[in-house]
Amino acid sequence: MNNVICIPGTCSKEEYYNEKYPTASHSHFFPWIQKQLYLRNISCVCMQHFMQYDSNLEYEKWVKEFETIKHDTDSIIVAHSSGCCFVLRYLSENIEKNFGKIIFLAPYLQDFEGEDRDFYSYKLDLNLDKKIEITCLYSLNDSKYIHKSIKILKECYKNIEILEFENKGHFCYSDIGDTFPKLLEEILK
């Protein structure tokens, strides 16, 4: 593995503009995982999502930022929440792209709330799991939308490894604190 690319999910507009909260790439477990990888001489970059919050997602802006990040067929992608949707859409629309591994954390894959945002409009590449190793972590006490996403992943991808947790919520700071040893273990596997 040459590098790890972390793709955080988004937050509400209120949280985005509230100065007491860090950016998505500097919150929850992301700073800890970056530090752990740096200590092992592994490059780790987190996407920033400038001016992107849950009611203002623009897929093309995510693509533009993602494509500036150095990656190759050995790179590992770690995506959280709506970041998982971005990864699936990007790889489904760019089937020539390949990575070493994808790790989904609490995936949010569709616009389950009926707002029909373009960000969530895509057709899955049903062969993705045949060319890229996919692991998915989720908690039983996460929202019904995450459980619907897990169901979609299980139905579409037979070669996916699903790791189920109890009482870890959405893997946010309020659920697990600022460390995530199991994620580090999965990256280093």
N, C-alpha and C. Protein backbone atom coordinates (compact mmCIF):
# COMPACT_ATOMS: atom_id res chain seq x y z
N MET A 1 0.85 -1.18 0.00
CA MET A 1 0.00 0.00 0.00
C MET A 1 0.89 1.23 0.00
N ASN A 2 0.61 2.14 -0.92
CA ASN A 2 1.36 3.39 -1.01
C ASN A 2 0.74 4.50 -0.20
N ASN A 3 -0.59 4.54 -0.21
CA ASN A 3 -1.24 5.64 0.49
C ASN A 3 -2.69 5.30 0.81
N VAL A 4 -3.25 6.10 1.70
CA VAL A 4 -4.65 5.97 2.10
C VAL A 4 -5.32 7.31 1.83
N ILE A 5 -6.50 7.23 1.24
CA ILE A 5 -7.30 8.41 0.97
C ILE A 5 -8.56 8.32 1.82
N CYS A 6 -8.75 9.27 2.71
CA CYS A 6 -9.93 9.30 3.56
C CYS A 6 -10.96 10.27 2.98
N ILE A 7 -12.18 9.80 2.91
CA ILE A 7 -13.26 10.61 2.37
C ILE A 7 -14.36 10.70 3.42
N PRO A 8 -14.33 11.76 4.22
CA PRO A 8 -15.35 11.92 5.27
C PRO A 8 -16.73 12.16 4.66
N GLY A 9 -17.73 11.92 5.46
CA GLY A 9 -19.09 12.28 5.07
C GLY A 9 -19.27 13.78 5.26
N THR A 10 -20.49 14.20 5.32
CA THR A 10 -20.78 15.63 5.47
C THR A 10 -21.49 15.88 6.79
N CYS A 11 -21.83 17.11 7.00
CA CYS A 11 -22.55 17.50 8.21
C CYS A 11 -23.68 18.45 7.80
N SER A 12 -24.42 18.90 8.78
CA SER A 12 -25.50 19.85 8.50
C SER A 12 -24.90 21.23 8.20
N LYS A 13 -25.69 22.08 7.60
CA LYS A 13 -25.27 23.45 7.31
C LYS A 13 -24.93 24.18 8.61
N GLU A 14 -25.74 23.93 9.64
CA GLU A 14 -25.51 24.58 10.94
C GLU A 14 -24.16 24.18 11.52
N GLU A 15 -23.84 22.89 11.46
CA GLU A 15 -22.55 22.44 11.98
C GLU A 15 -21.40 22.97 11.12
N TYR A 16 -21.59 22.98 9.82
CA TYR A 16 -20.55 23.44 8.90
C TYR A 16 -20.12 24.87 9.24
N TYR A 17 -21.10 25.73 9.52
CA TYR A 17 -20.79 27.14 9.77
C TYR A 17 -20.56 27.47 11.24
N ASN A 18 -20.66 26.51 12.12
CA ASN A 18 -20.44 26.73 13.54
C ASN A 18 -18.94 26.64 13.83
N GLU A 19 -18.35 27.70 14.32
CA GLU A 19 -16.90 27.75 14.55
C GLU A 19 -16.41 26.78 15.62
N LYS A 20 -17.29 26.28 16.45
CA LYS A 20 -16.83 25.37 17.50
C LYS A 20 -16.55 23.95 16.97
N TYR A 21 -17.00 23.65 15.74
CA TYR A 21 -16.75 22.33 15.15
C TYR A 21 -15.62 22.40 14.14
N PRO A 22 -14.75 21.39 14.14
CA PRO A 22 -13.70 21.34 13.11
C PRO A 22 -14.29 20.91 11.76
N THR A 23 -13.50 21.03 10.72
CA THR A 23 -13.94 20.53 9.42
C THR A 23 -14.10 19.01 9.50
N ALA A 24 -14.84 18.45 8.55
CA ALA A 24 -15.08 17.00 8.55
C ALA A 24 -13.78 16.21 8.55
N SER A 25 -12.79 16.69 7.82
CA SER A 25 -11.52 15.97 7.73
C SER A 25 -10.68 16.07 9.01
N HIS A 26 -11.07 16.96 9.91
CA HIS A 26 -10.34 17.13 11.18
C HIS A 26 -11.20 16.76 12.38
N SER A 27 -12.26 15.99 12.15
CA SER A 27 -13.12 15.62 13.26
C SER A 27 -13.19 14.10 13.39
N HIS A 28 -13.88 13.69 14.42
CA HIS A 28 -14.09 12.27 14.73
C HIS A 28 -12.74 11.56 14.84
N PHE A 29 -12.55 10.47 14.13
CA PHE A 29 -11.34 9.65 14.21
C PHE A 29 -10.31 9.99 13.14
N PHE A 30 -10.62 10.90 12.22
CA PHE A 30 -9.72 11.15 11.09
C PHE A 30 -8.33 11.64 11.50
N PRO A 31 -8.19 12.60 12.42
CA PRO A 31 -6.83 13.00 12.82
C PRO A 31 -6.04 11.84 13.43
N TRP A 32 -6.70 11.03 14.25
CA TRP A 32 -6.01 9.90 14.88
C TRP A 32 -5.54 8.91 13.83
N ILE A 33 -6.40 8.56 12.87
CA ILE A 33 -6.02 7.56 11.86
C ILE A 33 -4.87 8.09 11.00
N GLN A 34 -4.92 9.39 10.67
CA GLN A 34 -3.80 9.97 9.91
C GLN A 34 -2.50 9.84 10.68
N LYS A 35 -2.52 10.18 11.95
CA LYS A 35 -1.31 10.11 12.78
C LYS A 35 -0.79 8.68 12.86
N GLN A 36 -1.69 7.71 13.06
CA GLN A 36 -1.27 6.31 13.14
C GLN A 36 -0.62 5.85 11.84
N LEU A 37 -1.15 6.27 10.72
CA LEU A 37 -0.57 5.89 9.42
C LEU A 37 0.76 6.59 9.19
N TYR A 38 0.85 7.87 9.55
CA TYR A 38 2.12 8.59 9.43
C TYR A 38 3.21 7.91 10.24
N LEU A 39 2.86 7.47 11.46
CA LEU A 39 3.84 6.78 12.31
C LEU A 39 4.35 5.49 11.69
N ARG A 40 3.58 4.94 10.76
CA ARG A 40 3.96 3.71 10.05
C ARG A 40 4.49 4.02 8.65
N ASN A 41 4.80 5.29 8.42
CA ASN A 41 5.35 5.75 7.14
C ASN A 41 4.40 5.50 5.96
N ILE A 42 3.11 5.68 6.22
CA ILE A 42 2.09 5.53 5.18
C ILE A 42 1.43 6.89 4.97
N SER A 43 1.43 7.34 3.75
CA SER A 43 0.81 8.62 3.42
C SER A 43 -0.71 8.53 3.58
N CYS A 44 -1.31 9.58 4.11
CA CYS A 44 -2.76 9.61 4.29
C CYS A 44 -3.25 11.03 4.02
N VAL A 45 -4.21 11.14 3.11
CA VAL A 45 -4.79 12.42 2.75
C VAL A 45 -6.29 12.35 3.00
N CYS A 46 -6.83 13.40 3.60
CA CYS A 46 -8.28 13.49 3.81
C CYS A 46 -8.85 14.57 2.91
N MET A 47 -9.92 14.24 2.20
CA MET A 47 -10.61 15.24 1.38
C MET A 47 -11.22 16.30 2.29
N GLN A 48 -11.33 17.53 1.78
CA GLN A 48 -11.79 18.66 2.59
C GLN A 48 -13.26 19.02 2.40
N HIS A 49 -13.84 18.79 1.25
CA HIS A 49 -15.24 19.14 0.96
C HIS A 49 -15.54 20.62 1.19
N PHE A 50 -14.79 21.48 0.56
CA PHE A 50 -14.99 22.91 0.73
C PHE A 50 -16.41 23.31 0.33
N MET A 51 -17.10 23.97 1.22
CA MET A 51 -18.47 24.47 1.02
C MET A 51 -19.47 23.36 0.69
N GLN A 52 -19.26 22.20 1.26
CA GLN A 52 -20.17 21.08 1.03
C GLN A 52 -20.76 20.63 2.37
N TYR A 53 -22.06 20.70 2.50
CA TYR A 53 -22.76 20.18 3.66
C TYR A 53 -23.96 19.42 3.16
N ASP A 54 -24.66 18.73 4.04
CA ASP A 54 -25.63 17.72 3.59
C ASP A 54 -26.74 18.22 2.68
N SER A 55 -27.07 19.49 2.71
CA SER A 55 -28.13 19.98 1.81
C SER A 55 -27.55 20.73 0.60
N ASN A 56 -26.24 20.65 0.42
CA ASN A 56 -25.59 21.41 -0.65
C ASN A 56 -24.47 20.58 -1.30
N LEU A 57 -24.73 19.32 -1.62
CA LEU A 57 -23.69 18.45 -2.15
C LEU A 57 -23.60 18.58 -3.67
N GLU A 58 -22.40 18.79 -4.14
CA GLU A 58 -22.16 18.91 -5.58
C GLU A 58 -21.12 17.87 -5.97
N TYR A 59 -21.58 16.83 -6.62
CA TYR A 59 -20.74 15.70 -6.99
C TYR A 59 -19.50 16.14 -7.77
N GLU A 60 -19.64 17.02 -8.73
CA GLU A 60 -18.51 17.43 -9.56
C GLU A 60 -17.40 18.11 -8.74
N LYS A 61 -17.76 18.81 -7.69
CA LYS A 61 -16.74 19.41 -6.82
C LYS A 61 -15.95 18.33 -6.09
N TRP A 62 -16.64 17.27 -5.67
CA TRP A 62 -15.96 16.16 -5.01
C TRP A 62 -15.01 15.47 -6.00
N VAL A 63 -15.47 15.27 -7.23
CA VAL A 63 -14.64 14.63 -8.25
C VAL A 63 -13.38 15.46 -8.48
N LYS A 64 -13.56 16.74 -8.63
CA LYS A 64 -12.42 17.63 -8.88
C LYS A 64 -11.38 17.53 -7.77
N GLU A 65 -11.84 17.55 -6.52
CA GLU A 65 -10.91 17.44 -5.40
C GLU A 65 -10.27 16.05 -5.36
N PHE A 66 -11.06 15.02 -5.52
CA PHE A 66 -10.55 13.65 -5.45
C PHE A 66 -9.47 13.41 -6.50
N GLU A 67 -9.68 13.91 -7.68
CA GLU A 67 -8.74 13.65 -8.76
C GLU A 67 -7.43 14.42 -8.61
N THR A 68 -7.34 15.35 -7.67
CA THR A 68 -6.07 16.02 -7.38
C THR A 68 -5.21 15.20 -6.43
N ILE A 69 -5.79 14.19 -5.80
CA ILE A 69 -5.07 13.38 -4.82
C ILE A 69 -4.35 12.24 -5.54
N LYS A 70 -3.07 12.11 -5.27
CA LYS A 70 -2.27 11.04 -5.87
C LYS A 70 -2.81 9.69 -5.42
N HIS A 71 -3.06 8.81 -6.39
CA HIS A 71 -3.52 7.46 -6.07
C HIS A 71 -3.14 6.51 -7.19
N ASP A 72 -3.10 5.23 -6.85
CA ASP A 72 -2.81 4.21 -7.84
C ASP A 72 -3.54 2.92 -7.45
N THR A 73 -3.19 1.83 -8.10
CA THR A 73 -3.92 0.58 -7.88
C THR A 73 -3.63 -0.05 -6.52
N ASP A 74 -2.66 0.47 -5.77
CA ASP A 74 -2.39 -0.01 -4.42
C ASP A 74 -3.03 0.87 -3.35
N SER A 75 -3.57 2.00 -3.73
CA SER A 75 -4.15 2.93 -2.75
C SER A 75 -5.37 2.32 -2.08
N ILE A 76 -5.55 2.70 -0.83
CA ILE A 76 -6.72 2.29 -0.06
C ILE A 76 -7.61 3.50 0.14
N ILE A 77 -8.89 3.31 -0.09
CA ILE A 77 -9.86 4.38 0.16
C ILE A 77 -10.64 4.03 1.42
N VAL A 78 -10.72 4.99 2.34
CA VAL A 78 -11.54 4.87 3.54
C VAL A 78 -12.63 5.93 3.42
N ALA A 79 -13.87 5.50 3.34
CA ALA A 79 -14.98 6.44 3.15
C ALA A 79 -15.99 6.29 4.28
N HIS A 80 -16.49 7.42 4.75
CA HIS A 80 -17.45 7.43 5.85
C HIS A 80 -18.76 8.07 5.39
N SER A 81 -19.88 7.43 5.71
CA SER A 81 -21.22 7.97 5.50
C SER A 81 -21.46 8.34 4.04
N SER A 82 -21.76 9.60 3.74
CA SER A 82 -22.02 9.99 2.36
C SER A 82 -20.75 9.94 1.51
N GLY A 83 -19.59 9.87 2.14
CA GLY A 83 -18.35 9.66 1.40
C GLY A 83 -18.37 8.32 0.68
N CYS A 84 -19.08 7.34 1.24
CA CYS A 84 -19.23 6.03 0.60
C CYS A 84 -20.02 6.15 -0.69
N CYS A 85 -21.05 6.95 -0.67
CA CYS A 85 -21.84 7.19 -1.87
C CYS A 85 -20.96 7.78 -2.96
N PHE A 86 -20.14 8.76 -2.60
CA PHE A 86 -19.25 9.36 -3.58
C PHE A 86 -18.35 8.30 -4.21
N VAL A 87 -17.73 7.46 -3.38
CA VAL A 87 -16.81 6.44 -3.89
C VAL A 87 -17.52 5.47 -4.83
N LEU A 88 -18.68 4.99 -4.42
CA LEU A 88 -19.42 4.06 -5.28
C LEU A 88 -19.81 4.71 -6.60
N ARG A 89 -20.28 5.94 -6.53
CA ARG A 89 -20.67 6.61 -7.77
C ARG A 89 -19.45 6.85 -8.65
N TYR A 90 -18.38 7.35 -8.07
CA TYR A 90 -17.18 7.65 -8.84
C TYR A 90 -16.65 6.39 -9.53
N LEU A 91 -16.55 5.29 -8.79
CA LEU A 91 -16.02 4.06 -9.38
C LEU A 91 -17.00 3.41 -10.35
N SER A 92 -18.29 3.63 -10.15
CA SER A 92 -19.29 3.10 -11.08
C SER A 92 -19.29 3.89 -12.39
N GLU A 93 -18.94 5.16 -12.33
CA GLU A 93 -18.89 5.99 -13.52
C GLU A 93 -17.51 6.00 -14.18
N ASN A 94 -16.52 5.47 -13.48
CA ASN A 94 -15.14 5.42 -13.98
C ASN A 94 -14.62 3.99 -13.82
N ILE A 95 -15.20 3.07 -14.55
CA ILE A 95 -14.91 1.64 -14.33
C ILE A 95 -13.47 1.26 -14.65
N GLU A 96 -12.74 2.12 -15.33
CA GLU A 96 -11.33 1.82 -15.61
C GLU A 96 -10.46 2.06 -14.38
N LYS A 97 -10.97 2.78 -13.38
CA LYS A 97 -10.21 3.06 -12.16
C LYS A 97 -10.16 1.82 -11.28
N ASN A 98 -9.03 1.67 -10.59
CA ASN A 98 -8.87 0.52 -9.71
C ASN A 98 -8.07 0.96 -8.48
N PHE A 99 -8.38 0.35 -7.36
CA PHE A 99 -7.70 0.65 -6.10
C PHE A 99 -7.39 -0.66 -5.40
N GLY A 100 -6.52 -0.60 -4.41
CA GLY A 100 -6.16 -1.81 -3.68
C GLY A 100 -7.28 -2.32 -2.80
N LYS A 101 -7.98 -1.38 -2.16
CA LYS A 101 -9.02 -1.77 -1.21
C LYS A 101 -9.90 -0.57 -0.93
N ILE A 102 -11.16 -0.86 -0.63
CA ILE A 102 -12.09 0.17 -0.18
C ILE A 102 -12.63 -0.25 1.17
N ILE A 103 -12.64 0.67 2.11
CA ILE A 103 -13.25 0.42 3.42
C ILE A 103 -14.37 1.43 3.61
N PHE A 104 -15.59 0.92 3.70
CA PHE A 104 -16.76 1.76 3.93
C PHE A 104 -17.09 1.75 5.41
N LEU A 105 -17.35 2.92 5.95
CA LEU A 105 -17.74 3.08 7.36
C LEU A 105 -19.12 3.69 7.42
N ALA A 106 -20.08 3.00 7.99
CA ALA A 106 -21.45 3.51 8.12
C ALA A 106 -21.94 4.12 6.81
N PRO A 107 -22.01 3.32 5.75
CA PRO A 107 -22.31 3.88 4.43
C PRO A 107 -23.72 4.45 4.30
N TYR A 108 -23.79 5.62 3.70
CA TYR A 108 -25.06 6.26 3.36
C TYR A 108 -25.04 6.39 1.84
N LEU A 109 -25.83 5.56 1.16
CA LEU A 109 -25.67 5.39 -0.28
C LEU A 109 -26.71 6.07 -1.15
N GLN A 110 -27.83 6.44 -0.59
CA GLN A 110 -28.89 7.03 -1.40
C GLN A 110 -29.53 8.19 -0.67
N ASP A 111 -30.33 8.93 -1.40
CA ASP A 111 -31.10 10.00 -0.78
C ASP A 111 -32.40 9.39 -0.24
N PHE A 112 -32.30 8.76 0.91
CA PHE A 112 -33.44 8.07 1.50
C PHE A 112 -34.52 9.02 2.00
N GLU A 113 -34.18 10.28 2.13
CA GLU A 113 -35.14 11.24 2.66
C GLU A 113 -35.97 11.90 1.57
N GLY A 114 -35.80 11.48 0.32
CA GLY A 114 -36.67 11.92 -0.77
C GLY A 114 -36.40 13.29 -1.33
N GLU A 115 -35.23 13.85 -1.08
CA GLU A 115 -34.93 15.18 -1.62
C GLU A 115 -34.42 15.10 -3.06
N ASP A 116 -34.11 13.89 -3.54
CA ASP A 116 -33.71 13.65 -4.93
C ASP A 116 -32.53 14.51 -5.35
N ARG A 117 -31.54 14.57 -4.51
CA ARG A 117 -30.34 15.33 -4.84
C ARG A 117 -29.50 14.60 -5.88
N ASP A 118 -28.96 15.33 -6.81
CA ASP A 118 -28.15 14.76 -7.89
C ASP A 118 -26.97 13.94 -7.35
N PHE A 119 -26.41 14.35 -6.23
CA PHE A 119 -25.26 13.66 -5.64
C PHE A 119 -25.52 12.16 -5.51
N TYR A 120 -26.74 11.80 -5.21
CA TYR A 120 -27.10 10.40 -4.96
C TYR A 120 -27.68 9.69 -6.18
N SER A 121 -27.63 10.30 -7.33
CA SER A 121 -28.22 9.71 -8.55
C SER A 121 -27.14 9.02 -9.36
N TYR A 122 -27.11 7.70 -9.31
CA TYR A 122 -26.13 6.94 -10.06
C TYR A 122 -26.56 5.48 -10.13
N LYS A 123 -25.94 4.76 -11.05
CA LYS A 123 -26.20 3.33 -11.20
C LYS A 123 -24.94 2.59 -10.76
N LEU A 124 -25.11 1.65 -9.85
CA LEU A 124 -23.96 0.90 -9.32
C LEU A 124 -23.30 0.03 -10.38
N ASP A 125 -21.97 -0.03 -10.33
CA ASP A 125 -21.21 -1.01 -11.10
C ASP A 125 -21.28 -2.31 -10.30
N LEU A 126 -22.02 -3.27 -10.79
CA LEU A 126 -22.24 -4.52 -10.06
C LEU A 126 -21.04 -5.46 -10.11
N ASN A 127 -19.99 -5.07 -10.80
CA ASN A 127 -18.77 -5.89 -10.86
C ASN A 127 -17.64 -5.32 -10.01
N LEU A 128 -17.92 -4.26 -9.29
CA LEU A 128 -16.89 -3.58 -8.51
C LEU A 128 -16.18 -4.53 -7.52
N ASP A 129 -16.96 -5.39 -6.87
CA ASP A 129 -16.37 -6.30 -5.88
C ASP A 129 -15.52 -7.39 -6.51
N LYS A 130 -15.56 -7.54 -7.81
CA LYS A 130 -14.74 -8.55 -8.49
C LYS A 130 -13.34 -8.02 -8.80
N LYS A 131 -13.18 -6.69 -8.76
CA LYS A 131 -11.86 -6.13 -9.07
C LYS A 131 -11.22 -5.39 -7.89
N ILE A 132 -12.02 -5.02 -6.89
CA ILE A 132 -11.50 -4.30 -5.73
C ILE A 132 -12.01 -4.97 -4.46
N GLU A 133 -11.11 -5.17 -3.50
CA GLU A 133 -11.51 -5.71 -2.20
C GLU A 133 -12.33 -4.66 -1.46
N ILE A 134 -13.50 -5.05 -0.97
CA ILE A 134 -14.38 -4.12 -0.27
C ILE A 134 -14.70 -4.66 1.12
N THR A 135 -14.48 -3.83 2.12
CA THR A 135 -14.85 -4.15 3.50
C THR A 135 -15.78 -3.05 3.99
N CYS A 136 -16.79 -3.43 4.72
CA CYS A 136 -17.76 -2.46 5.22
C CYS A 136 -17.95 -2.66 6.72
N LEU A 137 -17.84 -1.58 7.49
CA LEU A 137 -18.07 -1.61 8.92
C LEU A 137 -19.31 -0.78 9.23
N TYR A 138 -20.17 -1.34 10.08
CA TYR A 138 -21.34 -0.57 10.51
C TYR A 138 -21.76 -1.05 11.89
N SER A 139 -22.58 -0.24 12.55
CA SER A 139 -23.06 -0.56 13.89
C SER A 139 -24.55 -0.82 13.87
N LEU A 140 -24.96 -1.78 14.66
CA LEU A 140 -26.37 -2.15 14.73
C LEU A 140 -27.25 -1.01 15.23
N ASN A 141 -26.69 -0.08 16.00
CA ASN A 141 -27.51 1.02 16.52
C ASN A 141 -27.39 2.30 15.69
N ASP A 142 -26.95 2.16 14.43
CA ASP A 142 -26.94 3.31 13.52
C ASP A 142 -28.35 3.49 12.95
N SER A 143 -28.54 4.50 12.12
CA SER A 143 -29.88 4.84 11.61
C SER A 143 -30.41 3.80 10.62
N LYS A 144 -31.71 3.86 10.38
CA LYS A 144 -32.34 2.94 9.43
C LYS A 144 -31.79 3.14 8.03
N TYR A 145 -31.30 4.34 7.71
CA TYR A 145 -30.75 4.62 6.39
C TYR A 145 -29.43 3.86 6.17
N ILE A 146 -28.66 3.74 7.22
CA ILE A 146 -27.41 2.97 7.11
C ILE A 146 -27.75 1.49 6.94
N HIS A 147 -28.75 1.02 7.65
CA HIS A 147 -29.16 -0.39 7.52
C HIS A 147 -29.69 -0.66 6.11
N LYS A 148 -30.40 0.30 5.51
CA LYS A 148 -30.85 0.14 4.12
C LYS A 148 -29.65 0.09 3.18
N SER A 149 -28.64 0.90 3.44
CA SER A 149 -27.44 0.89 2.62
C SER A 149 -26.70 -0.44 2.73
N ILE A 150 -26.63 -0.97 3.93
CA ILE A 150 -25.98 -2.28 4.13
C ILE A 150 -26.73 -3.35 3.33
N LYS A 151 -28.04 -3.30 3.36
CA LYS A 151 -28.85 -4.25 2.59
C LYS A 151 -28.54 -4.15 1.10
N ILE A 152 -28.43 -2.93 0.59
CA ILE A 152 -28.09 -2.72 -0.82
C ILE A 152 -26.72 -3.33 -1.14
N LEU A 153 -25.75 -3.06 -0.29
CA LEU A 153 -24.40 -3.59 -0.52
C LEU A 153 -24.39 -5.12 -0.52
N LYS A 154 -25.10 -5.72 0.43
CA LYS A 154 -25.15 -7.19 0.50
C LYS A 154 -25.83 -7.78 -0.73
N GLU A 155 -26.87 -7.11 -1.22
CA GLU A 155 -27.59 -7.62 -2.40
C GLU A 155 -26.77 -7.46 -3.68
N CYS A 156 -26.00 -6.40 -3.77
CA CYS A 156 -25.27 -6.11 -5.01
C CYS A 156 -23.88 -6.75 -5.08
N TYR A 157 -23.26 -6.94 -3.93
CA TYR A 157 -21.88 -7.41 -3.91
C TYR A 157 -21.73 -8.66 -3.05
N LYS A 158 -21.44 -9.75 -3.69
CA LYS A 158 -21.29 -11.03 -2.97
C LYS A 158 -19.91 -11.17 -2.34
N ASN A 159 -18.93 -10.44 -2.86
CA ASN A 159 -17.55 -10.56 -2.37
C ASN A 159 -17.19 -9.46 -1.39
N ILE A 160 -18.16 -8.93 -0.68
CA ILE A 160 -17.91 -7.86 0.28
C ILE A 160 -17.81 -8.45 1.68
N GLU A 161 -16.87 -7.94 2.46
CA GLU A 161 -16.75 -8.36 3.86
C GLU A 161 -17.49 -7.32 4.70
N ILE A 162 -18.48 -7.79 5.46
CA ILE A 162 -19.27 -6.91 6.32
C ILE A 162 -18.89 -7.17 7.78
N LEU A 163 -18.48 -6.13 8.48
CA LEU A 163 -18.14 -6.24 9.90
C LEU A 163 -19.17 -5.45 10.70
N GLU A 164 -19.83 -6.15 11.58
CA GLU A 164 -20.95 -5.59 12.34
C GLU A 164 -20.50 -5.29 13.77
N PHE A 165 -20.89 -4.14 14.28
CA PHE A 165 -20.54 -3.72 15.63
C PHE A 165 -21.80 -3.43 16.42
N GLU A 166 -21.67 -3.43 17.73
CA GLU A 166 -22.78 -3.04 18.61
C GLU A 166 -22.42 -1.73 19.30
N ASN A 167 -23.39 -0.87 19.43
CA ASN A 167 -23.27 0.38 20.20
C ASN A 167 -22.13 1.29 19.76
N LYS A 168 -21.88 1.36 18.44
CA LYS A 168 -20.86 2.27 17.91
C LYS A 168 -21.48 3.38 17.07
N GLY A 169 -22.83 3.41 17.01
CA GLY A 169 -23.54 4.48 16.31
C GLY A 169 -23.07 4.67 14.88
N HIS A 170 -22.75 5.92 14.55
CA HIS A 170 -22.32 6.28 13.20
C HIS A 170 -20.80 6.45 13.13
N PHE A 171 -20.10 5.92 14.14
CA PHE A 171 -18.64 6.01 14.25
C PHE A 171 -18.18 7.47 14.38
N CYS A 172 -19.02 8.30 14.95
CA CYS A 172 -18.66 9.70 15.17
C CYS A 172 -18.01 9.85 16.55
N TYR A 173 -17.47 11.02 16.81
CA TYR A 173 -16.82 11.29 18.09
C TYR A 173 -17.73 10.93 19.27
N SER A 174 -19.00 11.31 19.18
CA SER A 174 -19.94 11.05 20.27
C SER A 174 -20.22 9.55 20.45
N ASP A 175 -19.89 8.75 19.44
CA ASP A 175 -20.13 7.30 19.50
C ASP A 175 -18.90 6.51 19.93
N ILE A 176 -17.72 6.90 19.42
CA ILE A 176 -16.52 6.09 19.65
C ILE A 176 -15.33 6.89 20.16
N GLY A 177 -15.50 8.19 20.36
CA GLY A 177 -14.37 9.02 20.75
C GLY A 177 -13.54 9.37 19.52
N ASP A 178 -12.27 9.67 19.73
CA ASP A 178 -11.45 10.11 18.61
C ASP A 178 -10.45 9.07 18.12
N THR A 179 -10.61 7.81 18.53
CA THR A 179 -9.75 6.74 18.03
C THR A 179 -10.61 5.66 17.39
N PHE A 180 -10.00 4.87 16.53
CA PHE A 180 -10.73 3.81 15.84
C PHE A 180 -9.75 2.67 15.51
N PRO A 181 -9.30 1.93 16.54
CA PRO A 181 -8.31 0.87 16.34
C PRO A 181 -8.73 -0.20 15.32
N LYS A 182 -9.99 -0.55 15.27
CA LYS A 182 -10.42 -1.57 14.32
C LYS A 182 -10.24 -1.09 12.88
N LEU A 183 -10.47 0.18 12.63
CA LEU A 183 -10.24 0.73 11.30
C LEU A 183 -8.76 0.63 10.94
N LEU A 184 -7.90 1.00 11.85
CA LEU A 184 -6.45 0.89 11.61
C LEU A 184 -6.08 -0.55 11.28
N GLU A 185 -6.61 -1.48 12.03
CA GLU A 185 -6.36 -2.91 11.79
C GLU A 185 -6.79 -3.31 10.36
N GLU A 186 -7.95 -2.84 9.93
CA GLU A 186 -8.45 -3.18 8.60
C GLU A 186 -7.59 -2.55 7.50
N ILE A 187 -7.10 -1.35 7.73
CA ILE A 187 -6.24 -0.70 6.74
C ILE A 187 -4.93 -1.47 6.60
N LEU A 188 -4.38 -1.89 7.71
CA LEU A 188 -3.07 -2.55 7.71
C LEU A 188 -3.12 -4.02 7.30
N LYS A 189 -4.30 -4.59 7.22
CA LYS A 189 -4.46 -6.01 6.86
C LYS A 189 -3.86 -6.33 5.52
